[in-house]
N, C-alpha and C. Protein backbone atom coordinates (compact mmCIF):
# COMPACT_ATOMS: atom_id res chain seq x y z
N MET A 1 61.28 204.01 86.88
CA MET A 1 60.94 204.08 85.34
C MET A 1 61.71 202.41 85.55
N ALA A 2 60.94 201.80 84.43
CA ALA A 2 61.76 199.73 84.87
C ALA A 2 62.66 200.30 83.90
N LEU A 3 63.43 199.55 83.50
CA LEU A 3 64.74 199.05 82.72
C LEU A 3 64.35 198.52 81.19
N THR A 4 64.70 198.36 80.61
CA THR A 4 64.40 197.34 79.58
C THR A 4 65.44 196.52 79.11
N GLU A 5 65.47 195.80 78.69
CA GLU A 5 66.56 194.30 78.14
C GLU A 5 67.32 195.14 77.77
N GLU A 6 67.19 196.15 77.06
CA GLU A 6 68.21 196.94 76.19
C GLU A 6 69.20 198.07 77.02
N ASP A 7 67.98 198.61 78.07
CA ASP A 7 68.99 199.24 78.98
C ASP A 7 69.92 198.29 79.66
N LEU A 8 69.28 197.15 79.99
CA LEU A 8 70.29 196.18 80.44
C LEU A 8 71.75 195.84 79.89
N LYS A 9 71.42 195.28 78.14
CA LYS A 9 72.36 195.27 77.28
C LYS A 9 73.67 196.51 77.27
N LYS A 10 72.93 197.35 77.73
CA LYS A 10 74.17 198.56 77.88
C LYS A 10 74.98 199.01 78.70
N MET A 11 74.65 198.16 79.17
CA MET A 11 75.18 198.31 80.75
C MET A 11 76.58 197.63 81.37
N SER A 12 77.87 197.83 82.08
CA SER A 12 79.07 197.78 82.51
C SER A 12 78.69 196.74 82.92
N PRO A 13 79.86 195.91 83.41
CA PRO A 13 79.17 194.77 84.40
C PRO A 13 79.45 195.44 85.96
N GLU A 14 80.13 196.65 86.04
CA GLU A 14 80.38 197.54 87.65
C GLU A 14 78.84 197.89 87.43
N GLN A 15 78.36 198.43 86.52
CA GLN A 15 76.76 198.96 86.36
C GLN A 15 75.84 198.09 86.40
N LEU A 16 76.29 196.97 86.13
CA LEU A 16 74.93 195.73 86.52
C LEU A 16 75.05 194.90 87.86
N ARG A 17 76.36 195.14 88.85
CA ARG A 17 76.41 194.53 89.86
C ARG A 17 76.36 196.05 90.96
N GLN A 18 76.01 196.94 90.55
CA GLN A 18 75.33 197.92 90.99
C GLN A 18 74.39 198.02 91.64
N LEU A 19 72.95 197.56 90.28
CA LEU A 19 71.68 197.45 89.81
C LEU A 19 72.00 195.63 90.87
N GLN A 20 72.35 194.70 91.00
CA GLN A 20 72.08 193.83 91.44
C GLN A 20 72.42 193.91 93.63
N LYS A 21 72.97 194.99 93.58
CA LYS A 21 72.66 195.04 94.50
C LYS A 21 72.55 195.72 95.03
N GLN A 22 71.50 196.86 94.59
CA GLN A 22 70.54 197.37 95.29
C GLN A 22 70.12 196.89 95.20
N GLN A 23 69.28 196.32 94.43
CA GLN A 23 67.65 194.73 94.44
C GLN A 23 67.85 193.95 95.44
N CYS A 24 69.53 193.75 95.55
CA CYS A 24 69.81 192.39 97.02
C CYS A 24 69.11 192.67 98.54
N ILE A 25 68.29 191.91 98.52
CA ILE A 25 67.57 191.89 100.34
C ILE A 25 68.70 191.67 100.56
N PHE A 26 70.01 190.41 100.40
CA PHE A 26 70.97 190.48 101.71
C PHE A 26 72.03 191.46 101.64
N CYS A 27 72.06 192.18 100.73
CA CYS A 27 72.64 193.38 101.15
C CYS A 27 72.19 194.26 101.78
N HIS A 28 70.90 194.38 101.51
CA HIS A 28 69.51 195.73 102.45
C HIS A 28 70.02 194.96 103.47
N ILE A 29 70.19 193.97 104.16
CA ILE A 29 70.52 193.06 105.78
C ILE A 29 71.66 193.54 105.98
N ILE A 30 72.79 193.15 105.19
CA ILE A 30 74.44 193.82 105.36
C ILE A 30 73.94 195.59 105.66
N ALA A 31 73.10 195.92 104.87
CA ALA A 31 73.49 197.68 105.24
C ALA A 31 72.92 198.05 106.82
N LYS A 32 71.87 197.27 106.59
CA LYS A 32 71.25 197.74 107.91
C LYS A 32 70.18 198.39 108.15
N ARG A 33 69.32 198.25 106.56
CA ARG A 33 68.40 198.26 106.46
C ARG A 33 67.09 197.72 106.18
N VAL A 34 67.39 196.29 106.46
CA VAL A 34 66.11 195.21 107.50
C VAL A 34 66.54 194.56 107.91
N GLN A 35 65.84 194.23 108.86
CA GLN A 35 65.92 194.13 110.00
C GLN A 35 66.42 192.56 110.48
N SER A 36 67.07 192.22 111.24
CA SER A 36 68.06 190.80 110.74
C SER A 36 68.12 190.07 112.57
N LYS A 37 68.65 188.90 112.75
CA LYS A 37 69.06 188.42 113.64
C LYS A 37 70.35 187.80 114.04
N ILE A 38 71.37 189.14 114.10
CA ILE A 38 72.25 188.79 113.69
C ILE A 38 73.95 188.81 114.99
N VAL A 39 74.04 187.54 114.45
CA VAL A 39 75.03 186.29 115.13
C VAL A 39 76.29 186.60 114.91
N TYR A 40 77.03 186.94 114.42
CA TYR A 40 78.24 187.68 113.98
C TYR A 40 78.54 188.52 112.81
N GLU A 41 79.26 189.67 112.92
CA GLU A 41 80.01 190.72 111.68
C GLU A 41 81.05 191.24 112.30
N ASP A 42 81.92 190.86 111.14
CA ASP A 42 83.49 191.77 110.84
C ASP A 42 83.53 192.59 110.27
N ASP A 43 84.45 192.80 109.33
CA ASP A 43 84.82 193.45 108.14
C ASP A 43 84.50 193.10 107.05
N LYS A 44 84.78 192.03 106.86
CA LYS A 44 84.67 191.09 106.05
C LYS A 44 82.85 190.14 105.35
N VAL A 45 82.89 189.81 106.83
CA VAL A 45 81.22 188.69 107.09
C VAL A 45 80.05 189.30 107.87
N LEU A 46 79.00 189.28 107.26
CA LEU A 46 77.76 189.13 108.43
C LEU A 46 77.14 187.72 108.49
N ALA A 47 77.42 186.91 109.86
CA ALA A 47 76.40 186.10 109.68
C ALA A 47 75.17 186.73 110.64
N VAL A 48 73.83 186.16 109.50
CA VAL A 48 72.65 186.27 110.37
C VAL A 48 71.88 184.58 110.41
N LEU A 49 70.75 184.47 111.87
CA LEU A 49 70.46 183.52 111.87
C LEU A 49 68.87 183.97 110.22
N ASP A 50 68.87 182.21 109.64
CA ASP A 50 67.44 182.50 108.35
C ASP A 50 66.52 182.17 108.57
N ILE A 51 65.57 183.38 108.92
CA ILE A 51 64.05 183.33 108.86
C ILE A 51 63.74 182.10 108.38
N ASN A 52 63.84 181.24 107.89
CA ASN A 52 62.95 179.95 107.25
C ASN A 52 63.75 178.96 107.45
N PRO A 53 64.40 178.59 108.50
CA PRO A 53 65.08 178.03 109.02
C PRO A 53 64.94 176.20 108.72
N ALA A 54 66.07 175.11 108.39
CA ALA A 54 65.83 174.47 108.45
C ALA A 54 66.00 173.55 109.41
N ASN A 55 66.43 173.40 110.55
CA ASN A 55 66.76 173.43 111.98
C ASN A 55 66.83 175.13 112.47
N PRO A 56 66.82 174.73 114.43
CA PRO A 56 66.97 175.98 114.97
C PRO A 56 68.66 176.15 114.34
N GLY A 57 68.63 177.55 114.74
CA GLY A 57 70.36 177.83 114.50
C GLY A 57 71.20 178.07 113.12
N HIS A 58 69.91 177.64 112.02
CA HIS A 58 70.72 177.43 110.71
C HIS A 58 71.09 179.20 110.50
N VAL A 59 72.43 178.90 109.91
CA VAL A 59 72.60 180.25 109.98
C VAL A 59 73.31 180.57 108.50
N LEU A 60 72.70 182.34 108.05
CA LEU A 60 73.35 182.58 106.83
C LEU A 60 74.85 183.17 106.71
N LEU A 61 75.83 182.80 106.71
CA LEU A 61 76.87 183.71 106.23
C LEU A 61 76.75 184.30 105.13
N LEU A 62 77.40 185.76 104.93
CA LEU A 62 77.15 186.20 103.94
C LEU A 62 78.10 187.63 103.91
N PRO A 63 78.98 187.79 102.41
CA PRO A 63 80.16 188.28 101.88
C PRO A 63 79.66 190.15 102.13
N LYS A 64 79.93 190.52 103.44
CA LYS A 64 79.45 192.08 102.75
C LYS A 64 80.11 192.61 101.71
N GLU A 65 80.05 192.40 100.94
CA GLU A 65 80.39 192.78 98.98
C GLU A 65 79.58 191.76 98.52
N HIS A 66 78.78 192.50 97.40
CA HIS A 66 77.96 192.13 96.79
C HIS A 66 78.70 190.35 95.38
N TYR A 67 78.37 189.43 95.50
CA TYR A 67 79.01 188.89 95.02
C TYR A 67 78.02 187.70 94.76
N SER A 68 77.51 187.44 93.43
CA SER A 68 76.33 186.84 93.26
C SER A 68 76.68 185.30 93.53
N VAL A 69 78.07 184.41 92.98
CA VAL A 69 77.98 182.72 92.79
C VAL A 69 79.28 183.06 93.34
N SER A 70 80.31 182.11 93.99
CA SER A 70 81.26 181.15 94.58
C SER A 70 81.98 181.80 93.39
N PRO A 71 82.48 181.47 92.29
CA PRO A 71 83.40 181.97 91.52
C PRO A 71 83.85 183.52 91.07
N GLN A 72 82.81 184.33 91.60
CA GLN A 72 83.27 185.79 91.62
C GLN A 72 83.55 185.97 92.96
N VAL A 73 83.28 185.23 94.40
CA VAL A 73 84.07 185.55 95.74
C VAL A 73 85.66 185.90 95.77
N PRO A 74 86.34 186.20 95.86
CA PRO A 74 88.04 186.63 96.56
C PRO A 74 88.49 185.41 96.82
N ASP A 75 89.43 184.76 96.34
CA ASP A 75 90.24 183.53 96.81
C ASP A 75 90.26 183.89 98.78
N GLU A 76 91.03 184.45 99.18
CA GLU A 76 91.47 185.14 100.28
C GLU A 76 89.45 185.00 101.27
N LEU A 77 89.14 186.15 100.50
CA LEU A 77 87.28 186.20 101.20
C LEU A 77 86.79 184.59 101.33
N PHE A 78 86.70 183.88 100.21
CA PHE A 78 86.54 182.55 100.18
C PHE A 78 87.17 181.62 102.00
N ALA A 79 88.32 181.31 101.46
CA ALA A 79 89.28 180.62 102.79
C ALA A 79 88.62 181.46 103.76
N TYR A 80 88.15 182.80 104.05
CA TYR A 80 88.08 183.53 104.99
C TYR A 80 86.56 182.84 106.19
N MET A 81 85.15 182.54 104.70
CA MET A 81 84.20 181.63 104.99
C MET A 81 84.26 181.09 105.00
N GLY A 82 85.19 180.05 104.94
CA GLY A 82 84.99 178.47 105.40
C GLY A 82 85.79 178.57 107.01
N MET A 83 86.29 179.53 107.23
CA MET A 83 86.77 179.62 108.79
C MET A 83 85.98 180.14 109.31
N VAL A 84 85.45 181.43 109.13
CA VAL A 84 83.96 181.69 109.91
C VAL A 84 82.82 180.51 110.16
N ALA A 85 82.84 179.82 108.81
CA ALA A 85 81.34 178.40 108.93
C ALA A 85 81.78 177.44 109.43
N LYS A 86 83.55 177.60 109.99
CA LYS A 86 83.62 175.77 110.46
C LYS A 86 83.95 176.57 112.12
N GLN A 87 84.16 178.06 112.80
CA GLN A 87 83.66 178.43 114.07
C GLN A 87 82.08 178.52 114.09
N MET A 88 81.33 179.12 113.20
CA MET A 88 79.72 179.07 113.62
C MET A 88 79.12 177.34 114.11
N SER A 89 79.64 176.81 113.15
CA SER A 89 79.86 175.00 113.04
C SER A 89 79.97 174.77 115.05
N LYS A 90 81.36 174.84 114.90
CA LYS A 90 81.66 174.28 116.48
C LYS A 90 80.83 175.37 117.64
N ALA A 91 80.35 176.75 117.28
CA ALA A 91 79.45 177.52 118.53
C ALA A 91 78.27 176.65 118.04
N LEU A 92 77.93 176.48 117.29
CA LEU A 92 76.59 175.38 117.27
C LEU A 92 76.29 174.13 117.66
N LEU A 93 77.46 173.79 117.74
CA LEU A 93 77.26 172.14 118.28
C LEU A 93 77.13 172.60 119.87
N ARG A 94 77.27 173.47 120.48
CA ARG A 94 77.28 173.78 121.61
C ARG A 94 76.26 174.51 122.15
N THR A 95 75.72 174.89 121.22
CA THR A 95 74.41 176.69 121.72
C THR A 95 73.28 175.89 121.56
N VAL A 96 73.34 174.69 120.73
CA VAL A 96 71.91 174.13 119.91
C VAL A 96 72.00 172.50 120.69
N GLY A 97 72.97 172.15 120.93
CA GLY A 97 72.76 170.56 121.17
C GLY A 97 72.99 169.79 120.14
N ALA A 98 73.18 170.81 118.79
CA ALA A 98 73.78 169.88 117.45
C ALA A 98 74.43 168.66 117.46
N GLU A 99 74.53 167.14 116.91
CA GLU A 99 75.05 166.51 117.13
C GLU A 99 76.37 166.46 115.90
N GLY A 100 76.07 167.65 114.56
CA GLY A 100 76.87 167.19 113.65
C GLY A 100 76.36 168.82 113.13
N SER A 101 77.22 169.37 112.17
CA SER A 101 76.64 170.25 111.24
C SER A 101 76.17 170.04 109.59
N THR A 102 75.76 170.63 108.69
CA THR A 102 75.56 171.20 107.19
C THR A 102 76.12 172.34 106.94
N ILE A 103 77.69 172.36 106.07
CA ILE A 103 77.82 173.30 105.78
C ILE A 103 77.64 173.73 103.99
N LEU A 104 77.15 174.08 103.75
CA LEU A 104 76.62 174.09 101.94
C LEU A 104 76.74 175.51 101.64
N ALA A 105 77.03 175.29 100.11
CA ALA A 105 76.43 176.96 99.42
C ALA A 105 75.83 175.99 98.12
N ALA A 106 74.46 177.10 97.86
CA ALA A 106 74.11 176.20 96.28
C ALA A 106 74.50 176.98 95.74
N ASN A 107 75.17 176.90 94.96
CA ASN A 107 75.94 178.04 93.18
C ASN A 107 75.41 178.48 92.39
N GLY A 108 74.30 179.23 92.03
CA GLY A 108 73.60 178.94 91.12
C GLY A 108 72.06 178.41 90.70
N MET A 109 71.22 179.26 90.32
CA MET A 109 69.83 178.59 90.23
C MET A 109 69.48 176.96 90.20
N ALA A 110 70.14 176.35 88.85
CA ALA A 110 70.20 174.84 89.33
C ALA A 110 70.71 173.88 90.81
N ALA A 111 71.46 174.58 91.27
CA ALA A 111 71.17 174.12 92.45
C ALA A 111 70.77 174.56 93.69
N GLY A 112 69.31 174.89 93.35
CA GLY A 112 69.17 175.36 94.54
C GLY A 112 69.01 177.13 95.46
N GLN A 113 69.58 177.79 94.40
CA GLN A 113 70.27 179.00 95.23
C GLN A 113 69.08 179.67 94.65
N ARG A 114 68.51 181.02 95.33
CA ARG A 114 67.06 181.55 95.81
C ARG A 114 67.72 182.98 95.27
N ALA A 115 68.77 183.33 95.74
CA ALA A 115 69.11 184.78 96.02
C ALA A 115 69.81 184.96 95.47
N SER A 116 69.96 186.21 94.77
CA SER A 116 71.80 186.67 93.88
C SER A 116 72.49 187.31 94.49
N HIS A 117 72.75 186.56 95.75
CA HIS A 117 73.75 186.61 96.70
C HIS A 117 74.76 185.63 97.21
N PHE A 118 75.64 185.26 96.86
CA PHE A 118 75.86 184.01 97.71
C PHE A 118 75.89 183.75 98.83
N ILE A 119 75.88 182.82 99.73
CA ILE A 119 75.91 182.29 100.85
C ILE A 119 76.31 181.23 101.42
N MET A 120 76.96 181.12 102.35
CA MET A 120 77.17 179.79 102.94
C MET A 120 76.24 179.49 104.27
N HIS A 121 75.56 178.34 104.02
CA HIS A 121 74.78 178.13 105.17
C HIS A 121 75.47 177.42 105.38
N VAL A 122 75.18 177.65 106.98
CA VAL A 122 75.89 176.55 108.33
C VAL A 122 74.20 175.70 109.57
N ILE A 123 74.07 174.42 108.34
CA ILE A 123 72.86 173.81 109.31
C ILE A 123 72.79 172.88 111.05
N PRO A 124 72.79 173.48 111.97
CA PRO A 124 72.92 172.51 112.76
C PRO A 124 72.12 171.33 112.52
N ARG A 125 72.66 170.26 112.61
CA ARG A 125 71.53 168.73 112.48
C ARG A 125 72.18 167.81 113.95
N LYS A 126 71.18 166.90 113.43
CA LYS A 126 70.75 166.19 115.05
C LYS A 126 70.38 164.83 113.95
N GLU A 127 70.43 163.58 114.72
CA GLU A 127 70.00 162.82 113.79
C GLU A 127 68.38 162.38 113.73
N GLY A 128 68.21 161.62 112.21
CA GLY A 128 66.66 162.17 112.20
C GLY A 128 66.09 163.41 111.79
N ASP A 129 66.46 164.08 111.97
CA ASP A 129 65.88 165.65 111.44
C ASP A 129 65.33 165.52 111.04
N LYS A 130 65.31 165.17 109.56
CA LYS A 130 64.35 165.34 108.04
C LYS A 130 65.11 166.46 107.29
N VAL A 131 65.96 167.01 107.56
CA VAL A 131 66.73 168.08 106.61
C VAL A 131 66.65 167.12 105.38
N GLY A 132 67.20 166.57 105.10
CA GLY A 132 67.16 165.79 103.30
C GLY A 132 68.37 166.19 102.52
N LEU A 133 69.25 166.42 103.61
CA LEU A 133 70.29 166.33 102.47
C LEU A 133 71.31 165.63 102.07
N MET A 134 70.86 164.52 102.45
CA MET A 134 71.43 162.39 101.78
C MET A 134 71.99 162.95 100.62
N LEU A 135 72.83 162.90 100.10
CA LEU A 135 72.72 163.15 98.93
C LEU A 135 72.82 161.53 97.84
N PRO A 136 71.92 161.56 97.13
CA PRO A 136 71.15 159.99 95.97
C PRO A 136 72.38 159.45 95.42
N PRO A 137 72.42 158.08 95.45
CA PRO A 137 74.03 157.87 94.25
C PRO A 137 73.45 158.17 93.24
N GLY A 138 74.26 158.88 92.21
CA GLY A 138 73.92 159.13 90.58
C GLY A 138 73.77 157.71 89.74
N ASP A 139 72.97 157.86 88.80
CA ASP A 139 72.67 156.88 87.64
C ASP A 139 73.95 157.38 86.90
N ILE A 140 75.74 156.71 86.97
CA ILE A 140 76.76 157.47 86.21
C ILE A 140 77.46 155.90 85.98
N THR A 141 77.73 155.77 84.82
CA THR A 141 78.66 155.01 84.57
C THR A 141 80.33 155.34 84.50
N GLU A 142 80.94 153.50 84.46
CA GLU A 142 82.47 154.52 85.19
C GLU A 142 83.20 155.07 83.66
N GLN A 143 82.81 154.54 82.21
CA GLN A 143 82.69 155.75 81.43
C GLN A 143 82.40 157.58 81.16
N GLN A 144 81.27 157.68 81.79
CA GLN A 144 81.37 158.75 82.54
C GLN A 144 81.87 159.50 83.57
N ILE A 145 82.52 158.88 84.39
CA ILE A 145 83.78 158.46 85.70
C ILE A 145 84.55 159.53 84.67
N VAL A 146 85.12 158.74 83.89
CA VAL A 146 86.33 158.91 83.78
C VAL A 146 86.62 159.98 82.35
N GLN A 147 85.41 160.21 81.77
CA GLN A 147 86.13 161.44 80.12
C GLN A 147 85.04 162.54 82.05
N VAL A 148 84.64 162.68 82.36
CA VAL A 148 84.71 164.17 83.55
C VAL A 148 86.20 164.46 84.37
N GLN A 149 86.63 163.24 84.57
CA GLN A 149 88.27 163.21 85.47
C GLN A 149 88.71 163.73 84.28
N LYS A 150 88.90 163.57 82.95
CA LYS A 150 90.17 163.37 81.75
C LYS A 150 90.17 164.95 81.91
N ALA A 151 88.19 165.41 81.64
CA ALA A 151 88.71 167.06 81.33
C ALA A 151 88.39 168.01 82.56
N LEU A 152 88.15 167.43 83.61
CA LEU A 152 88.25 168.03 85.16
C LEU A 152 89.89 168.51 85.44
N ALA A 153 90.38 166.89 85.60
CA ALA A 153 91.36 167.60 86.48
C ALA A 153 92.67 168.60 85.40
N PRO A 154 92.68 168.42 84.08
CA PRO A 154 94.11 169.44 83.74
C PRO A 154 93.36 170.96 84.27
N LEU A 155 92.00 171.41 84.17
CA LEU A 155 91.70 172.54 84.18
C LEU A 155 91.97 172.89 85.57
N ILE A 156 91.34 171.93 86.78
CA ILE A 156 91.96 171.99 87.97
C ILE A 156 93.40 172.71 88.22
N ALA A 157 94.27 171.08 88.11
CA ALA A 157 95.68 171.29 87.98
C ALA A 157 95.98 172.77 87.74
N LYS A 158 96.08 173.41 86.08
CA LYS A 158 96.07 174.76 85.64
C LYS A 158 95.29 175.53 86.72
N ALA A 159 94.67 174.82 87.23
CA ALA A 159 93.90 177.03 87.74
C ALA A 159 94.78 176.80 89.56
N PHE A 160 95.33 175.67 89.86
CA PHE A 160 96.31 175.83 91.01
C PHE A 160 98.10 175.51 90.43
N GLY A 161 98.22 175.61 89.37
CA GLY A 161 99.71 176.05 88.70
C GLY A 161 100.51 174.50 88.23
N LYS A 162 99.56 173.80 88.40
CA LYS A 162 100.40 172.41 88.71
C LYS A 162 100.00 171.90 86.75
N GLU A 163 101.03 170.35 87.18
CA GLU A 163 101.26 170.00 85.76
C GLU A 163 100.10 168.95 86.29
N PRO A 164 99.03 168.58 85.08
CA PRO A 164 97.78 168.20 85.08
C PRO A 164 98.47 166.25 85.39
N VAL A 165 96.98 165.81 86.16
CA VAL A 165 97.26 164.03 86.29
C VAL A 165 97.10 163.22 85.13
N ALA A 166 98.02 162.49 85.03
CA ALA A 166 98.24 161.47 83.82
C ALA A 166 97.27 160.96 84.16
N ILE A 167 95.92 160.20 83.93
CA ILE A 167 95.37 159.59 84.47
C ILE A 167 95.76 158.42 83.75
N GLU A 168 96.21 158.45 83.09
CA GLU A 168 96.40 156.44 82.86
C GLU A 168 97.41 155.88 83.60
N GLU A 169 98.65 157.20 83.92
CA GLU A 169 99.58 156.35 84.60
C GLU A 169 98.88 156.09 86.30
N VAL A 170 97.97 157.12 86.87
CA VAL A 170 97.45 156.70 87.99
C VAL A 170 96.47 155.21 87.86
N LYS A 171 95.71 154.33 86.75
CA LYS A 171 95.49 154.08 86.16
C LYS A 171 96.58 152.76 87.16
N GLU A 172 97.29 152.76 85.78
CA GLU A 172 98.41 152.00 86.01
C GLU A 172 98.89 151.67 87.25
N ALA A 173 99.51 152.55 88.27
CA ALA A 173 99.67 152.31 89.56
C ALA A 173 98.62 152.24 89.95
N GLN A 174 97.37 152.18 90.50
CA GLN A 174 96.85 151.60 90.75
C GLN A 174 96.45 149.58 90.69
N LYS A 175 96.54 149.65 89.40
CA LYS A 175 96.42 148.26 89.09
C LYS A 175 97.52 147.33 89.53
N LYS A 176 98.82 147.98 89.48
CA LYS A 176 100.18 147.44 90.38
C LYS A 176 99.97 147.08 92.14
N GLU A 177 99.30 148.52 92.27
CA GLU A 177 98.61 147.91 94.49
C GLU A 177 98.07 147.00 94.19
N ALA A 178 97.21 146.49 93.56
CA ALA A 178 96.01 145.98 93.52
C ALA A 178 96.24 144.40 93.56
N LYS A 179 97.82 144.40 92.63
CA LYS A 179 98.01 143.21 93.07
C LYS A 179 98.32 142.45 93.74
N PRO A 180 98.57 141.52 94.05
CA PRO A 180 99.46 140.94 95.15
C PRO A 180 100.50 140.58 94.87
N GLU A 181 101.77 140.71 95.76
CA GLU A 181 103.14 140.33 95.14
C GLU A 181 103.13 138.79 95.25
N GLN A 182 103.93 138.67 94.55
CA GLN A 182 104.31 137.11 94.40
C GLN A 182 105.39 136.75 94.81
């Protein structure tokens, strides 16, 4: 029986999460119902080789609990995943002869996320590998940058229980530092 849009609207957030989990290919991989090439596992995360790798050794680092996007991932788990990704990167440098690595998470469809399970990618890199993850410079004005700074800085400060940075004070300090002493 297919669920209707009306059925979905009636579901609680927990019911929706369970439904997502039931339909999530990565939750099936974590539960070992779908075959994968596991390279690391503990009680919090599972790391598998990507079946469509950007480069040989491309690892998908998955939280064992289902979270769709990074804001849903508890801070402690996100920090832990960062530490595991760092060790994966280190191991890949030795294992596949990589010269570097790219660690990324596509967070939301607009960012290229294709599955509804939060994933950290650890991609071994070599000079000239054509993976194409160079960020092009945006066409953004100084005024737009300042607008974003004024809107973002207080929210970030609040998230960490800090006082917002006074943007004007920072600019004044920068001007004073830029002037040579006479």
